[in-house]
Amino acid sequence: MRCNNCGNENAVGAAFCMNCGSPLGSPAAEPAAPLPPQAPPEGNAQPNQQAPPSPPPYPSQLYQLPRTPTVKSVHLGEVLFLIAAALLLAAGFENFASLSLFARAQYVLLGMFAIVGGLLLLGMVVMPHILKPIEQYLDMIVLGLSAIFLFWGVAAMFGSNIGFDGGLVFIGGLFGLTGMALKMGIIR
């Protein structure tokens, strides 16, 4: 069936044109002229006019598909923060597990720092709204902690009583520094 308004060929028995939405089987309606603006009523007088009826919806407006939520794009710096958090948490918990064997304060201190740093990096990606109160200082805190983990990791790799898993701590600090440099735009 051919549309009288746009000339599109539609399926037989269709009520509306699939191209322009005008009713099929009737001549194309002339567009209505806009109403002239009217002065506002004075006092409490009510206007006697009703709003003009709305035109029938297009077929595409009748069947709206539900919108699916989109996935947030992931920044490379966030991926590096997640990897650094996993490495630091693993090193931190292993240093705490060694407490019963060696009972050295260095191991506990490295374990505490690594766990706090890992949770901080994890929170920056997963739950940034929790870190809102320290947002203005967050970049400097992460830079400082990552630099500490770099040096402490090297010391733990080569020192005998600094802590366990110096390699994990070093790589966690390196990934934290690289992620922060990406976030701050220092490297691209």
N, C-alpha and C. Protein backbone atom coordinates (compact mmCIF):
# COMPACT_ATOMS: atom_id res chain seq x y z
N MET A 1 0.86 -1.17 0.00
CA MET A 1 0.00 0.00 0.00
C MET A 1 0.91 1.23 0.00
N ARG A 2 0.67 2.16 -0.90
CA ARG A 2 1.50 3.34 -1.08
C ARG A 2 0.97 4.46 -0.17
N CYS A 3 1.91 5.16 0.48
CA CYS A 3 1.56 6.28 1.36
C CYS A 3 1.23 7.50 0.49
N ASN A 4 0.13 8.19 0.82
CA ASN A 4 -0.26 9.39 0.09
C ASN A 4 0.61 10.59 0.44
N ASN A 5 1.27 10.53 1.59
CA ASN A 5 2.06 11.67 2.06
C ASN A 5 3.48 11.64 1.49
N CYS A 6 4.18 10.49 1.62
CA CYS A 6 5.59 10.44 1.22
C CYS A 6 5.84 9.50 0.04
N GLY A 7 4.89 8.67 -0.31
CA GLY A 7 5.04 7.77 -1.44
C GLY A 7 5.75 6.47 -1.11
N ASN A 8 6.00 6.20 0.16
CA ASN A 8 6.67 4.98 0.57
C ASN A 8 5.74 3.79 0.37
N GLU A 9 6.31 2.66 -0.06
CA GLU A 9 5.53 1.43 -0.25
C GLU A 9 5.51 0.68 1.08
N ASN A 10 4.31 0.42 1.63
CA ASN A 10 4.13 -0.24 2.91
C ASN A 10 3.47 -1.59 2.73
N ALA A 11 3.47 -2.39 3.77
CA ALA A 11 2.83 -3.70 3.74
C ALA A 11 1.32 -3.54 3.60
N VAL A 12 0.69 -4.52 2.96
CA VAL A 12 -0.76 -4.49 2.78
C VAL A 12 -1.42 -4.62 4.14
N GLY A 13 -2.40 -3.79 4.41
CA GLY A 13 -3.14 -3.82 5.66
C GLY A 13 -2.52 -3.00 6.76
N ALA A 14 -1.40 -2.31 6.50
CA ALA A 14 -0.77 -1.48 7.52
C ALA A 14 -1.63 -0.24 7.77
N ALA A 15 -1.71 0.17 9.03
CA ALA A 15 -2.53 1.32 9.38
C ALA A 15 -1.74 2.63 9.25
N PHE A 16 -0.42 2.57 9.47
CA PHE A 16 0.41 3.76 9.42
C PHE A 16 1.59 3.52 8.48
N CYS A 17 2.09 4.58 7.89
CA CYS A 17 3.25 4.51 7.01
C CYS A 17 4.49 4.26 7.86
N MET A 18 5.33 3.33 7.45
CA MET A 18 6.55 3.02 8.20
C MET A 18 7.62 4.10 8.04
N ASN A 19 7.48 4.96 7.04
CA ASN A 19 8.47 6.02 6.79
C ASN A 19 8.11 7.31 7.51
N CYS A 20 6.88 7.81 7.30
CA CYS A 20 6.52 9.11 7.87
C CYS A 20 5.49 9.02 8.98
N GLY A 21 4.82 7.87 9.15
CA GLY A 21 3.89 7.70 10.26
C GLY A 21 2.49 8.20 10.01
N SER A 22 2.20 8.71 8.80
CA SER A 22 0.84 9.21 8.55
C SER A 22 -0.09 8.02 8.31
N PRO A 23 -1.38 8.19 8.63
CA PRO A 23 -2.34 7.10 8.45
C PRO A 23 -2.45 6.74 6.97
N LEU A 24 -2.55 5.43 6.70
CA LEU A 24 -2.68 4.95 5.33
C LEU A 24 -4.15 4.82 4.96
N GLY A 25 -4.46 4.94 3.70
CA GLY A 25 -5.83 4.79 3.23
C GLY A 25 -6.61 6.08 3.28
N SER A 26 -6.00 7.16 3.69
CA SER A 26 -6.68 8.45 3.71
C SER A 26 -5.74 9.48 3.09
N PRO A 27 -6.29 10.53 2.51
CA PRO A 27 -5.41 11.54 1.91
C PRO A 27 -4.56 12.21 2.98
N ALA A 28 -3.40 12.68 2.57
CA ALA A 28 -2.47 13.33 3.50
C ALA A 28 -3.11 14.58 4.07
N ALA A 29 -2.99 14.71 5.34
CA ALA A 29 -3.57 15.86 6.01
C ALA A 29 -2.62 17.05 5.87
N GLU A 30 -3.22 18.21 5.69
CA GLU A 30 -2.43 19.43 5.63
C GLU A 30 -1.97 19.76 7.05
N PRO A 31 -0.75 20.22 7.20
CA PRO A 31 -0.33 20.57 8.55
C PRO A 31 -1.15 21.74 9.08
N ALA A 32 -1.48 21.63 10.35
CA ALA A 32 -2.31 22.67 10.98
C ALA A 32 -1.48 23.93 11.18
N ALA A 33 -2.11 25.08 10.95
CA ALA A 33 -1.44 26.36 11.15
C ALA A 33 -1.34 26.61 12.64
N PRO A 34 -0.23 27.19 13.09
CA PRO A 34 -0.11 27.46 14.52
C PRO A 34 -1.13 28.51 14.97
N LEU A 35 -1.56 28.34 16.21
CA LEU A 35 -2.53 29.28 16.78
C LEU A 35 -1.82 30.59 17.10
N PRO A 36 -2.49 31.71 16.86
CA PRO A 36 -1.86 32.99 17.22
C PRO A 36 -1.77 33.13 18.73
N PRO A 37 -0.73 33.80 19.21
CA PRO A 37 -0.61 33.97 20.66
C PRO A 37 -1.76 34.80 21.20
N GLN A 38 -2.22 34.44 22.37
CA GLN A 38 -3.33 35.15 22.99
C GLN A 38 -2.84 35.87 24.23
N ALA A 39 -3.52 36.95 24.53
CA ALA A 39 -3.19 37.71 25.73
C ALA A 39 -3.63 36.90 26.94
N PRO A 40 -2.92 37.00 28.04
CA PRO A 40 -3.33 36.26 29.24
C PRO A 40 -4.67 36.78 29.74
N PRO A 41 -5.48 35.89 30.32
CA PRO A 41 -6.78 36.32 30.83
C PRO A 41 -6.61 37.29 31.99
N GLU A 42 -7.54 38.22 32.08
CA GLU A 42 -7.49 39.20 33.17
C GLU A 42 -8.29 38.69 34.35
N GLY A 43 -7.75 38.94 35.51
CA GLY A 43 -8.47 38.54 36.72
C GLY A 43 -8.51 37.03 36.85
N ASN A 44 -9.69 36.53 37.25
CA ASN A 44 -9.87 35.09 37.46
C ASN A 44 -10.58 34.44 36.29
N ALA A 45 -10.66 35.09 35.18
CA ALA A 45 -11.38 34.53 34.03
C ALA A 45 -10.59 33.35 33.48
N GLN A 46 -11.29 32.26 33.16
CA GLN A 46 -10.68 31.06 32.61
C GLN A 46 -10.81 31.07 31.09
N PRO A 47 -9.79 30.72 30.36
CA PRO A 47 -9.94 30.65 28.90
C PRO A 47 -10.82 29.46 28.53
N ASN A 48 -11.59 29.61 27.48
CA ASN A 48 -12.52 28.57 27.04
C ASN A 48 -11.90 27.64 26.03
N GLN A 49 -10.62 27.80 25.74
CA GLN A 49 -10.01 26.96 24.73
C GLN A 49 -9.29 25.79 25.38
N GLN A 50 -9.30 24.68 24.65
CA GLN A 50 -8.57 23.50 25.08
C GLN A 50 -7.35 23.35 24.19
N ALA A 51 -6.39 22.61 24.67
CA ALA A 51 -5.18 22.37 23.88
C ALA A 51 -5.55 21.52 22.67
N PRO A 52 -4.92 21.78 21.53
CA PRO A 52 -5.23 20.97 20.35
C PRO A 52 -4.81 19.52 20.58
N PRO A 53 -5.53 18.57 19.99
CA PRO A 53 -5.18 17.16 20.21
C PRO A 53 -3.82 16.86 19.58
N SER A 54 -3.10 15.96 20.23
CA SER A 54 -1.78 15.61 19.72
C SER A 54 -1.94 14.63 18.56
N PRO A 55 -1.03 14.68 17.60
CA PRO A 55 -1.13 13.77 16.46
C PRO A 55 -0.87 12.34 16.91
N PRO A 56 -1.33 11.36 16.14
CA PRO A 56 -1.09 9.97 16.52
C PRO A 56 0.41 9.67 16.49
N PRO A 57 0.87 8.79 17.36
CA PRO A 57 2.31 8.50 17.41
C PRO A 57 2.76 7.72 16.17
N TYR A 58 4.03 7.93 15.83
CA TYR A 58 4.63 7.14 14.76
C TYR A 58 4.74 5.70 15.21
N PRO A 59 4.75 4.77 14.30
CA PRO A 59 4.90 3.37 14.71
C PRO A 59 6.20 3.12 15.48
N SER A 60 7.24 3.86 15.14
CA SER A 60 8.50 3.66 15.86
C SER A 60 8.39 4.14 17.30
N GLN A 61 7.44 5.05 17.59
CA GLN A 61 7.26 5.51 18.96
C GLN A 61 6.38 4.56 19.77
N LEU A 62 5.64 3.71 19.09
CA LEU A 62 4.77 2.77 19.78
C LEU A 62 5.57 1.63 20.40
N TYR A 63 6.63 1.21 19.76
CA TYR A 63 7.39 0.05 20.21
C TYR A 63 8.81 0.46 20.54
N GLN A 64 9.01 1.06 21.69
CA GLN A 64 10.35 1.47 22.13
C GLN A 64 11.05 0.28 22.78
N LEU A 65 12.25 0.01 22.36
CA LEU A 65 13.05 -1.03 22.98
C LEU A 65 13.64 -0.48 24.27
N PRO A 66 13.72 -1.30 25.30
CA PRO A 66 14.31 -0.82 26.55
C PRO A 66 15.80 -0.54 26.36
N ARG A 67 16.26 0.51 27.01
CA ARG A 67 17.67 0.86 26.91
C ARG A 67 18.47 -0.02 27.86
N THR A 68 19.57 -0.49 27.38
CA THR A 68 20.45 -1.30 28.21
C THR A 68 21.55 -0.40 28.76
N PRO A 69 21.92 -0.59 30.02
CA PRO A 69 22.98 0.25 30.57
C PRO A 69 24.30 -0.05 29.89
N THR A 70 25.07 1.00 29.69
CA THR A 70 26.37 0.83 29.04
C THR A 70 27.43 0.59 30.09
N VAL A 71 28.48 -0.06 29.69
CA VAL A 71 29.59 -0.34 30.58
C VAL A 71 30.49 0.90 30.62
N LYS A 72 30.88 1.25 31.82
CA LYS A 72 31.78 2.39 31.97
C LYS A 72 33.11 2.04 31.33
N SER A 73 33.65 2.95 30.58
CA SER A 73 34.95 2.68 29.97
C SER A 73 36.01 2.63 31.07
N VAL A 74 36.95 1.74 30.90
CA VAL A 74 37.99 1.55 31.91
C VAL A 74 39.27 2.21 31.42
N HIS A 75 39.83 3.02 32.25
CA HIS A 75 41.07 3.73 31.95
C HIS A 75 42.24 2.81 32.31
N LEU A 76 43.32 2.88 31.54
CA LEU A 76 44.48 2.04 31.79
C LEU A 76 45.05 2.28 33.19
N GLY A 77 44.98 3.52 33.66
CA GLY A 77 45.46 3.81 35.01
C GLY A 77 44.66 3.06 36.07
N GLU A 78 43.35 2.90 35.85
CA GLU A 78 42.52 2.15 36.80
C GLU A 78 42.90 0.67 36.81
N VAL A 79 43.22 0.13 35.65
CA VAL A 79 43.66 -1.27 35.58
C VAL A 79 44.98 -1.44 36.33
N LEU A 80 45.88 -0.49 36.16
CA LEU A 80 47.15 -0.56 36.88
C LEU A 80 46.94 -0.42 38.39
N PHE A 81 45.99 0.42 38.81
CA PHE A 81 45.69 0.54 40.24
C PHE A 81 45.16 -0.78 40.79
N LEU A 82 44.30 -1.47 40.02
CA LEU A 82 43.75 -2.74 40.48
C LEU A 82 44.85 -3.80 40.61
N ILE A 83 45.75 -3.85 39.64
CA ILE A 83 46.86 -4.81 39.71
C ILE A 83 47.76 -4.48 40.89
N ALA A 84 48.09 -3.20 41.06
CA ALA A 84 48.93 -2.79 42.19
C ALA A 84 48.26 -3.12 43.51
N ALA A 85 46.95 -2.92 43.60
CA ALA A 85 46.22 -3.23 44.83
C ALA A 85 46.29 -4.72 45.13
N ALA A 86 46.11 -5.56 44.11
CA ALA A 86 46.18 -7.01 44.33
C ALA A 86 47.57 -7.44 44.79
N LEU A 87 48.61 -6.89 44.18
CA LEU A 87 49.98 -7.25 44.56
C LEU A 87 50.30 -6.78 45.98
N LEU A 88 49.90 -5.56 46.31
CA LEU A 88 50.19 -5.04 47.65
C LEU A 88 49.41 -5.77 48.73
N LEU A 89 48.15 -6.11 48.44
CA LEU A 89 47.37 -6.86 49.42
C LEU A 89 47.96 -8.25 49.64
N ALA A 90 48.39 -8.91 48.56
CA ALA A 90 49.00 -10.23 48.70
C ALA A 90 50.28 -10.14 49.53
N ALA A 91 51.13 -9.17 49.25
CA ALA A 91 52.36 -9.01 50.01
C ALA A 91 52.06 -8.64 51.46
N GLY A 92 51.07 -7.80 51.67
CA GLY A 92 50.74 -7.39 53.03
C GLY A 92 50.23 -8.53 53.88
N PHE A 93 49.34 -9.35 53.32
CA PHE A 93 48.81 -10.48 54.10
C PHE A 93 49.89 -11.54 54.34
N GLU A 94 50.81 -11.70 53.41
CA GLU A 94 51.88 -12.67 53.63
C GLU A 94 52.83 -12.18 54.72
N ASN A 95 53.06 -10.88 54.78
CA ASN A 95 53.90 -10.35 55.85
C ASN A 95 53.22 -10.51 57.20
N PHE A 96 51.89 -10.38 57.25
CA PHE A 96 51.18 -10.61 58.51
C PHE A 96 51.22 -12.08 58.89
N ALA A 97 51.14 -12.97 57.91
CA ALA A 97 51.17 -14.40 58.20
C ALA A 97 52.53 -14.82 58.75
N SER A 98 53.56 -14.08 58.39
CA SER A 98 54.90 -14.43 58.87
C SER A 98 55.13 -13.97 60.31
N LEU A 99 54.19 -13.25 60.89
CA LEU A 99 54.38 -12.71 62.23
C LEU A 99 54.61 -13.81 63.25
N SER A 100 53.84 -14.90 63.14
CA SER A 100 54.00 -15.95 64.13
C SER A 100 55.34 -16.66 64.00
N LEU A 101 55.95 -16.65 62.81
CA LEU A 101 57.21 -17.33 62.61
C LEU A 101 58.40 -16.50 63.07
N PHE A 102 58.40 -15.24 62.73
CA PHE A 102 59.59 -14.43 62.99
C PHE A 102 59.37 -13.34 64.03
N ALA A 103 58.14 -12.86 64.18
CA ALA A 103 57.79 -11.83 65.16
C ALA A 103 58.69 -10.59 65.06
N ARG A 104 58.87 -10.10 63.85
CA ARG A 104 59.66 -8.90 63.64
C ARG A 104 58.73 -7.74 63.32
N ALA A 105 59.02 -6.59 63.87
CA ALA A 105 58.17 -5.42 63.67
C ALA A 105 58.23 -4.94 62.23
N GLN A 106 59.34 -5.15 61.53
CA GLN A 106 59.46 -4.71 60.15
C GLN A 106 58.43 -5.41 59.25
N TYR A 107 58.21 -6.69 59.52
CA TYR A 107 57.27 -7.45 58.72
C TYR A 107 55.85 -6.94 58.94
N VAL A 108 55.54 -6.67 60.20
CA VAL A 108 54.20 -6.16 60.52
C VAL A 108 54.00 -4.78 59.92
N LEU A 109 55.02 -3.94 60.01
CA LEU A 109 54.92 -2.60 59.46
C LEU A 109 54.75 -2.63 57.94
N LEU A 110 55.55 -3.46 57.26
CA LEU A 110 55.41 -3.60 55.82
C LEU A 110 54.03 -4.17 55.48
N GLY A 111 53.57 -5.13 56.26
CA GLY A 111 52.24 -5.70 56.02
C GLY A 111 51.15 -4.66 56.17
N MET A 112 51.23 -3.83 57.22
CA MET A 112 50.21 -2.80 57.42
C MET A 112 50.23 -1.77 56.30
N PHE A 113 51.43 -1.30 55.94
CA PHE A 113 51.53 -0.31 54.87
C PHE A 113 51.02 -0.87 53.54
N ALA A 114 51.38 -2.11 53.24
CA ALA A 114 50.97 -2.71 51.98
C ALA A 114 49.45 -2.91 51.93
N ILE A 115 48.86 -3.31 53.03
CA ILE A 115 47.40 -3.51 53.06
C ILE A 115 46.68 -2.17 52.93
N VAL A 116 47.13 -1.16 53.65
CA VAL A 116 46.51 0.17 53.55
C VAL A 116 46.67 0.73 52.14
N GLY A 117 47.87 0.60 51.57
CA GLY A 117 48.08 1.08 50.21
C GLY A 117 47.24 0.32 49.20
N GLY A 118 47.15 -1.00 49.36
CA GLY A 118 46.32 -1.80 48.46
C GLY A 118 44.85 -1.44 48.55
N LEU A 119 44.35 -1.23 49.77
CA LEU A 119 42.95 -0.84 49.94
C LEU A 119 42.69 0.55 49.38
N LEU A 120 43.65 1.44 49.52
CA LEU A 120 43.51 2.80 48.98
C LEU A 120 43.42 2.76 47.45
N LEU A 121 44.32 2.00 46.81
CA LEU A 121 44.29 1.89 45.35
C LEU A 121 43.02 1.20 44.88
N LEU A 122 42.58 0.19 45.61
CA LEU A 122 41.34 -0.51 45.26
C LEU A 122 40.15 0.42 45.41
N GLY A 123 40.13 1.21 46.46
CA GLY A 123 39.03 2.15 46.69
C GLY A 123 38.97 3.25 45.64
N MET A 124 40.12 3.64 45.09
CA MET A 124 40.12 4.67 44.05
C MET A 124 39.36 4.22 42.81
N VAL A 125 39.37 2.91 42.53
CA VAL A 125 38.72 2.39 41.33
C VAL A 125 37.31 1.92 41.63
N VAL A 126 37.16 1.15 42.70
CA VAL A 126 35.88 0.49 42.95
C VAL A 126 34.88 1.41 43.65
N MET A 127 35.32 2.17 44.65
CA MET A 127 34.42 3.02 45.42
C MET A 127 35.00 4.42 45.61
N PRO A 128 35.09 5.21 44.55
CA PRO A 128 35.71 6.53 44.69
C PRO A 128 34.92 7.49 45.56
N HIS A 129 33.62 7.26 45.73
CA HIS A 129 32.81 8.17 46.55
C HIS A 129 33.20 8.09 48.02
N ILE A 130 33.79 6.99 48.46
CA ILE A 130 34.22 6.87 49.86
C ILE A 130 35.42 7.78 50.12
N LEU A 131 36.25 7.97 49.11
CA LEU A 131 37.46 8.78 49.26
C LEU A 131 37.23 10.25 48.95
N LYS A 132 35.98 10.68 48.85
CA LYS A 132 35.65 12.06 48.52
C LYS A 132 36.25 13.07 49.51
N PRO A 133 36.25 12.79 50.84
CA PRO A 133 36.81 13.79 51.77
C PRO A 133 38.29 14.10 51.55
N ILE A 134 39.06 13.12 51.04
CA ILE A 134 40.50 13.37 50.84
C ILE A 134 40.84 13.49 49.36
N GLU A 135 39.85 13.81 48.55
CA GLU A 135 40.04 13.83 47.10
C GLU A 135 41.13 14.81 46.67
N GLN A 136 41.21 15.97 47.30
CA GLN A 136 42.19 16.96 46.88
C GLN A 136 43.61 16.54 47.24
N TYR A 137 43.78 15.65 48.21
CA TYR A 137 45.10 15.18 48.60
C TYR A 137 45.42 13.78 48.06
N LEU A 138 44.44 13.14 47.43
CA LEU A 138 44.56 11.74 47.06
C LEU A 138 45.72 11.47 46.10
N ASP A 139 45.89 12.32 45.12
CA ASP A 139 46.96 12.10 44.15
C ASP A 139 48.33 12.12 44.84
N MET A 140 48.53 13.07 45.72
CA MET A 140 49.82 13.17 46.41
C MET A 140 50.02 12.00 47.37
N ILE A 141 48.95 11.55 48.02
CA ILE A 141 49.05 10.40 48.93
C ILE A 141 49.46 9.16 48.15
N VAL A 142 48.79 8.93 47.01
CA VAL A 142 49.10 7.73 46.21
C VAL A 142 50.50 7.82 45.63
N LEU A 143 50.90 8.99 45.17
CA LEU A 143 52.28 9.14 44.67
C LEU A 143 53.30 8.85 45.76
N GLY A 144 53.08 9.39 46.94
CA GLY A 144 54.00 9.17 48.05
C GLY A 144 54.06 7.71 48.47
N LEU A 145 52.88 7.07 48.62
CA LEU A 145 52.86 5.66 49.00
C LEU A 145 53.51 4.78 47.94
N SER A 146 53.25 5.08 46.69
CA SER A 146 53.84 4.26 45.62
C SER A 146 55.36 4.39 45.61
N ALA A 147 55.87 5.60 45.83
CA ALA A 147 57.32 5.78 45.90
C ALA A 147 57.91 5.03 47.10
N ILE A 148 57.20 5.06 48.23
CA ILE A 148 57.66 4.31 49.41
C ILE A 148 57.69 2.82 49.10
N PHE A 149 56.67 2.33 48.41
CA PHE A 149 56.63 0.90 48.08
C PHE A 149 57.74 0.52 47.10
N LEU A 150 58.08 1.42 46.20
CA LEU A 150 59.20 1.14 45.28
C LEU A 150 60.49 0.91 46.07
N PHE A 151 60.81 1.85 46.95
CA PHE A 151 62.07 1.74 47.69
C PHE A 151 62.02 0.62 48.72
N TRP A 152 60.89 0.48 49.41
CA TRP A 152 60.77 -0.57 50.41
C TRP A 152 60.81 -1.94 49.75
N GLY A 153 60.23 -2.06 48.56
CA GLY A 153 60.27 -3.32 47.83
C GLY A 153 61.69 -3.71 47.44
N VAL A 154 62.47 -2.73 46.98
CA VAL A 154 63.87 -3.01 46.64
C VAL A 154 64.63 -3.43 47.89
N ALA A 155 64.39 -2.72 49.00
CA ALA A 155 65.08 -3.07 50.25
C ALA A 155 64.67 -4.46 50.73
N ALA A 156 63.40 -4.82 50.57
CA ALA A 156 62.94 -6.14 51.01
C ALA A 156 63.45 -7.25 50.10
N MET A 157 63.70 -6.91 48.82
CA MET A 157 64.25 -7.93 47.92
C MET A 157 65.69 -8.28 48.29
N PHE A 158 66.46 -7.28 48.67
CA PHE A 158 67.88 -7.50 48.91
C PHE A 158 68.26 -7.53 50.38
N GLY A 159 67.38 -7.09 51.26
CA GLY A 159 67.67 -7.12 52.69
C GLY A 159 67.13 -8.39 53.31
N SER A 160 67.79 -8.86 54.36
CA SER A 160 67.38 -10.14 54.96
C SER A 160 66.27 -9.98 55.99
N ASN A 161 66.16 -8.83 56.62
CA ASN A 161 65.15 -8.69 57.67
C ASN A 161 64.27 -7.46 57.48
N ILE A 162 63.94 -7.13 56.23
CA ILE A 162 63.09 -5.97 55.95
C ILE A 162 61.63 -6.41 55.79
N GLY A 163 61.41 -7.58 55.21
CA GLY A 163 60.06 -8.08 54.99
C GLY A 163 60.06 -9.09 53.87
N PHE A 164 58.94 -9.77 53.72
CA PHE A 164 58.78 -10.75 52.65
C PHE A 164 58.25 -10.10 51.38
N ASP A 165 58.37 -10.81 50.29
CA ASP A 165 57.78 -10.43 48.99
C ASP A 165 58.14 -9.02 48.58
N GLY A 166 59.41 -8.72 48.61
CA GLY A 166 59.86 -7.41 48.15
C GLY A 166 59.55 -7.18 46.68
N GLY A 167 59.57 -8.25 45.88
CA GLY A 167 59.26 -8.11 44.46
C GLY A 167 57.82 -7.69 44.25
N LEU A 168 56.88 -8.27 45.00
CA LEU A 168 55.48 -7.87 44.87
C LEU A 168 55.27 -6.43 45.30
N VAL A 169 55.94 -6.04 46.37
CA VAL A 169 55.81 -4.67 46.86
C VAL A 169 56.40 -3.70 45.84
N PHE A 170 57.56 -4.05 45.27
CA PHE A 170 58.20 -3.19 44.28
C PHE A 170 57.32 -3.04 43.04
N ILE A 171 56.81 -4.14 42.51
CA ILE A 171 55.97 -4.07 41.31
C ILE A 171 54.66 -3.36 41.61
N GLY A 172 54.10 -3.57 42.81
CA GLY A 172 52.89 -2.84 43.20
C GLY A 172 53.13 -1.34 43.24
N GLY A 173 54.28 -0.93 43.79
CA GLY A 173 54.62 0.49 43.80
C GLY A 173 54.85 1.04 42.41
N LEU A 174 55.50 0.24 41.55
CA LEU A 174 55.75 0.66 40.17
C LEU A 174 54.43 0.84 39.42
N PHE A 175 53.52 -0.12 39.57
CA PHE A 175 52.21 0.00 38.90
C PHE A 175 51.42 1.17 39.47
N GLY A 176 51.52 1.41 40.78
CA GLY A 176 50.82 2.55 41.37
C GLY A 176 51.34 3.87 40.83
N LEU A 177 52.67 4.00 40.72
CA LEU A 177 53.26 5.22 40.15
C LEU A 177 52.88 5.41 38.68
N THR A 178 52.91 4.32 37.91
CA THR A 178 52.56 4.41 36.49
C THR A 178 51.09 4.78 36.32
N GLY A 179 50.21 4.16 37.12
CA GLY A 179 48.79 4.50 37.05
C GLY A 179 48.53 5.95 37.41
N MET A 180 49.22 6.45 38.43
CA MET A 180 49.04 7.84 38.82
C MET A 180 49.58 8.78 37.76
N ALA A 181 50.70 8.41 37.13
CA ALA A 181 51.24 9.25 36.04
C ALA A 181 50.27 9.29 34.86
N LEU A 182 49.61 8.18 34.59
CA LEU A 182 48.59 8.17 33.53
C LEU A 182 47.39 9.04 33.92
N LYS A 183 46.98 8.93 35.16
CA LYS A 183 45.82 9.69 35.63
C LYS A 183 46.10 11.20 35.60
N MET A 184 47.31 11.57 35.98
CA MET A 184 47.66 12.99 36.03
C MET A 184 48.06 13.55 34.66
N GLY A 185 48.19 12.68 33.66
CA GLY A 185 48.54 13.12 32.33
C GLY A 185 50.03 13.33 32.11
N ILE A 186 50.86 12.81 33.02
CA ILE A 186 52.31 12.95 32.88
C ILE A 186 52.80 12.08 31.71
N ILE A 187 52.26 10.87 31.61
CA ILE A 187 52.55 10.00 30.47
C ILE A 187 51.24 9.66 29.79
N ARG A 188 51.34 9.28 28.54
CA ARG A 188 50.13 8.94 27.77
C ARG A 188 50.26 7.56 27.20
